Amino acid sequence: MAYFPKKKLILPEGFYLDSSKVPSGRSVNNLLISCGIDFFPNLKLEQAIKNSNFFFVIYAEKQKQIYGFVRVTSDKGLNANLWEFVCETWNKSKTFLFSFT
């Protein structure tokens, strides 16, 4: 069972968080490339996401574009690893896309 703190995730208007539908490898790779991070073969990335314990994707509602992504693997004991943890800036002022309150 995943543990989530009691703090609430705040996203700007027009964005939403999804953890149910596995994103395509291509869309995640596009995000990685736009953030200057190495990309992976699309099919291998999709399989890695499916085999992860869980993942989160931040989408823009109007554009259906991915603006943030992270996947988590764990030994179900004491260790958890965050993979492809990336978030693109969403406006010209280079502000963060999300915050916690």
C-alpha atoms as a PDB file:
ATOM      1  CA  MET A   1       0.000   0.000   0.000  1.00  0.00           C
ATOM      2  CA  ALA A   2       1.367   3.379  -0.958  1.00  0.00           C
ATOM      3  CA  TYR A   3       1.854   6.016   1.733  1.00  0.00           C
ATOM      4  CA  PHE A   4       0.915   9.572   0.905  1.00  0.00           C
ATOM      5  CA  PRO A   5       1.371  12.511   3.262  1.00  0.00           C
ATOM      6  CA  LYS A   6      -1.617  14.527   4.418  1.00  0.00           C
ATOM      7  CA  LYS A   7      -0.374  17.566   2.540  1.00  0.00           C
ATOM      8  CA  LYS A   8      -2.423  18.473  -0.504  1.00  0.00           C
ATOM      9  CA  LEU A   9      -0.840  18.707  -3.956  1.00  0.00           C
ATOM     10  CA  ILE A  10      -1.628  22.035  -5.617  1.00  0.00           C
ATOM     11  CA  LEU A  11      -1.563  22.229  -9.410  1.00  0.00           C
ATOM     12  CA  PRO A  12      -2.240  25.347 -11.481  1.00  0.00           C
ATOM     13  CA  GLU A  13      -5.649  25.648 -13.082  1.00  0.00           C
ATOM     14  CA  GLY A  14      -5.881  23.578 -16.258  1.00  0.00           C
ATOM     15  CA  PHE A  15      -3.598  20.753 -15.071  1.00  0.00           C
ATOM     16  CA  TYR A  16      -4.473  17.396 -13.526  1.00  0.00           C
ATOM     17  CA  LEU A  17      -2.681  14.419 -12.001  1.00  0.00           C
ATOM     18  CA  ASP A  18      -3.227  10.883 -13.309  1.00  0.00           C
ATOM     19  CA  SER A  19      -1.893   7.576 -12.043  1.00  0.00           C
ATOM     20  CA  SER A  20      -4.268   5.149 -13.722  1.00  0.00           C
ATOM     21  CA  LYS A  21      -3.543   5.291 -17.455  1.00  0.00           C
ATOM     22  CA  VAL A  22      -0.027   4.301 -18.529  1.00  0.00           C
ATOM     23  CA  PRO A  23       1.320   7.070 -20.790  1.00  0.00           C
ATOM     24  CA  SER A  24       2.921   6.194 -24.102  1.00  0.00           C
ATOM     25  CA  GLY A  25       6.684   5.858 -24.169  1.00  0.00           C
ATOM     26  CA  ARG A  26       6.804   8.451 -26.909  1.00  0.00           C
ATOM     27  CA  SER A  27       5.006  11.109 -24.843  1.00  0.00           C
ATOM     28  CA  VAL A  28       7.249  10.517 -21.811  1.00  0.00           C
ATOM     29  CA  ASN A  29      10.336  10.581 -24.037  1.00  0.00           C
ATOM     30  CA  ASN A  30       9.191  13.900 -25.536  1.00  0.00           C
ATOM     31  CA  LEU A  31       9.019  15.321 -22.015  1.00  0.00           C
ATOM     32  CA  LEU A  32      12.450  13.932 -21.125  1.00  0.00           C
ATOM     33  CA  ILE A  33      13.986  15.398 -24.287  1.00  0.00           C
ATOM     34  CA  SER A  34      12.376  18.814 -23.727  1.00  0.00           C
ATOM     35  CA  CYS A  35      13.909  18.862 -20.223  1.00  0.00           C
ATOM     36  CA  GLY A  36      17.367  17.876 -21.488  1.00  0.00           C
ATOM     37  CA  ILE A  37      17.322  14.334 -20.080  1.00  0.00           C
ATOM     38  CA  ASP A  38      18.364  11.160 -21.899  1.00  0.00           C
ATOM     39  CA  PHE A  39      15.534   9.246 -23.535  1.00  0.00           C
ATOM     40  CA  PHE A  40      14.852   5.498 -23.811  1.00  0.00           C
ATOM     41  CA  PRO A  41      13.384   3.137 -26.425  1.00  0.00           C
ATOM     42  CA  ASN A  42       9.608   3.706 -26.367  1.00  0.00           C
ATOM     43  CA  LEU A  43       8.564   0.078 -25.846  1.00  0.00           C
ATOM     44  CA  LYS A  44      11.109  -0.513 -23.067  1.00  0.00           C
ATOM     45  CA  LEU A  45      10.010   2.665 -21.294  1.00  0.00           C
ATOM     46  CA  GLU A  46       6.328   1.656 -21.495  1.00  0.00           C
ATOM     47  CA  GLN A  47       7.182  -1.781 -20.091  1.00  0.00           C
ATOM     48  CA  ALA A  48       9.217  -0.195 -17.277  1.00  0.00           C
ATOM     49  CA  ILE A  49       6.238   2.024 -16.378  1.00  0.00           C
ATOM     50  CA  LYS A  50       3.890  -0.983 -16.343  1.00  0.00           C
ATOM     51  CA  ASN A  51       6.306  -2.912 -14.097  1.00  0.00           C
ATOM     52  CA  SER A  52       6.709  -0.028 -11.637  1.00  0.00           C
ATOM     53  CA  ASN A  53       4.949   0.006  -8.267  1.00  0.00           C
ATOM     54  CA  PHE A  54       3.204   3.227  -9.246  1.00  0.00           C
ATOM     55  CA  PHE A  55       3.624   6.358 -11.333  1.00  0.00           C
ATOM     56  CA  PHE A  56       2.229   9.881 -11.599  1.00  0.00           C
ATOM     57  CA  VAL A  57       1.684  11.974 -14.707  1.00  0.00           C
ATOM     58  CA  ILE A  58       0.790  15.690 -14.808  1.00  0.00           C
ATOM     59  CA  TYR A  59      -1.256  16.584 -17.884  1.00  0.00           C
ATOM     60  CA  ALA A  60      -2.461  19.876 -19.309  1.00  0.00           C
ATOM     61  CA  GLU A  61      -6.217  19.518 -19.820  1.00  0.00           C
ATOM     62  CA  LYS A  62      -6.519  21.486 -23.058  1.00  0.00           C
ATOM     63  CA  GLN A  63      -3.412  20.256 -24.856  1.00  0.00           C
ATOM     64  CA  LYS A  64      -3.370  16.683 -23.485  1.00  0.00           C
ATOM     65  CA  GLN A  65       0.372  17.185 -23.138  1.00  0.00           C
ATOM     66  CA  ILE A  66       2.528  15.722 -20.357  1.00  0.00           C
ATOM     67  CA  TYR A  67       4.197  18.334 -18.153  1.00  0.00           C
ATOM     68  CA  GLY A  68       5.410  16.103 -15.323  1.00  0.00           C
ATOM     69  CA  PHE A  69       6.213  12.462 -14.737  1.00  0.00           C
ATOM     70  CA  VAL A  70       7.705  10.129 -12.139  1.00  0.00           C
ATOM     71  CA  ARG A  71       7.658   6.373 -11.668  1.00  0.00           C
ATOM     72  CA  VAL A  72       8.490   4.522  -8.474  1.00  0.00           C
ATOM     73  CA  THR A  73       9.956   1.092  -7.864  1.00  0.00           C
ATOM     74  CA  SER A  74      10.445  -0.492  -4.466  1.00  0.00           C
ATOM     75  CA  ASP A  75      11.736  -3.599  -2.770  1.00  0.00           C
ATOM     76  CA  LYS A  76       8.543  -3.389  -0.655  1.00  0.00           C
ATOM     77  CA  GLY A  77      10.744  -3.118   2.390  1.00  0.00           C
ATOM     78  CA  LEU A  78      12.730  -0.016   3.175  1.00  0.00           C
ATOM     79  CA  ASN A  79      13.817   1.238  -0.234  1.00  0.00           C
ATOM     80  CA  ALA A  80      12.048   3.125  -2.992  1.00  0.00           C
ATOM     81  CA  ASN A  81      13.558   4.583  -6.154  1.00  0.00           C
ATOM     82  CA  LEU A  82      12.253   7.495  -8.194  1.00  0.00           C
ATOM     83  CA  TRP A  83      12.879   7.166 -11.926  1.00  0.00           C
ATOM     84  CA  GLU A  84      12.429   9.702 -14.729  1.00  0.00           C
ATOM     85  CA  PHE A  85      11.392  12.335 -12.167  1.00  0.00           C
ATOM     86  CA  VAL A  86      10.886  15.372 -14.386  1.00  0.00           C
ATOM     87  CA  CYS A  87       8.689  18.455 -14.517  1.00  0.00           C
ATOM     88  CA  GLU A  88       8.645  21.005 -17.309  1.00  0.00           C
ATOM     89  CA  THR A  89       8.087  24.685 -16.615  1.00  0.00           C
ATOM     90  CA  TRP A  90       4.633  25.728 -17.708  1.00  0.00           C
ATOM     91  CA  ASN A  91       5.048  29.455 -18.243  1.00  0.00           C
ATOM     92  CA  LYS A  92       7.650  32.012 -19.233  1.00  0.00           C
ATOM     93  CA  SER A  93       8.452  32.956 -15.631  1.00  0.00           C
ATOM     94  CA  LYS A  94       9.932  29.474 -15.132  1.00  0.00           C
ATOM     95  CA  THR A  95       7.839  28.765 -12.039  1.00  0.00           C
ATOM     96  CA  PHE A  96       7.366  25.279 -10.692  1.00  0.00           C
ATOM     97  CA  LEU A  97       4.311  23.420 -11.864  1.00  0.00           C
ATOM     98  CA  PHE A  98       3.214  22.162  -8.452  1.00  0.00           C
ATOM     99  CA  SER A  99       3.570  22.824  -4.750  1.00  0.00           C
ATOM    100  CA  PHE A 100       2.435  21.271  -1.485  1.00  0.00           C
ATOM    101  CA  THR A 101       0.361  22.962   1.211  1.00  0.00           C
END
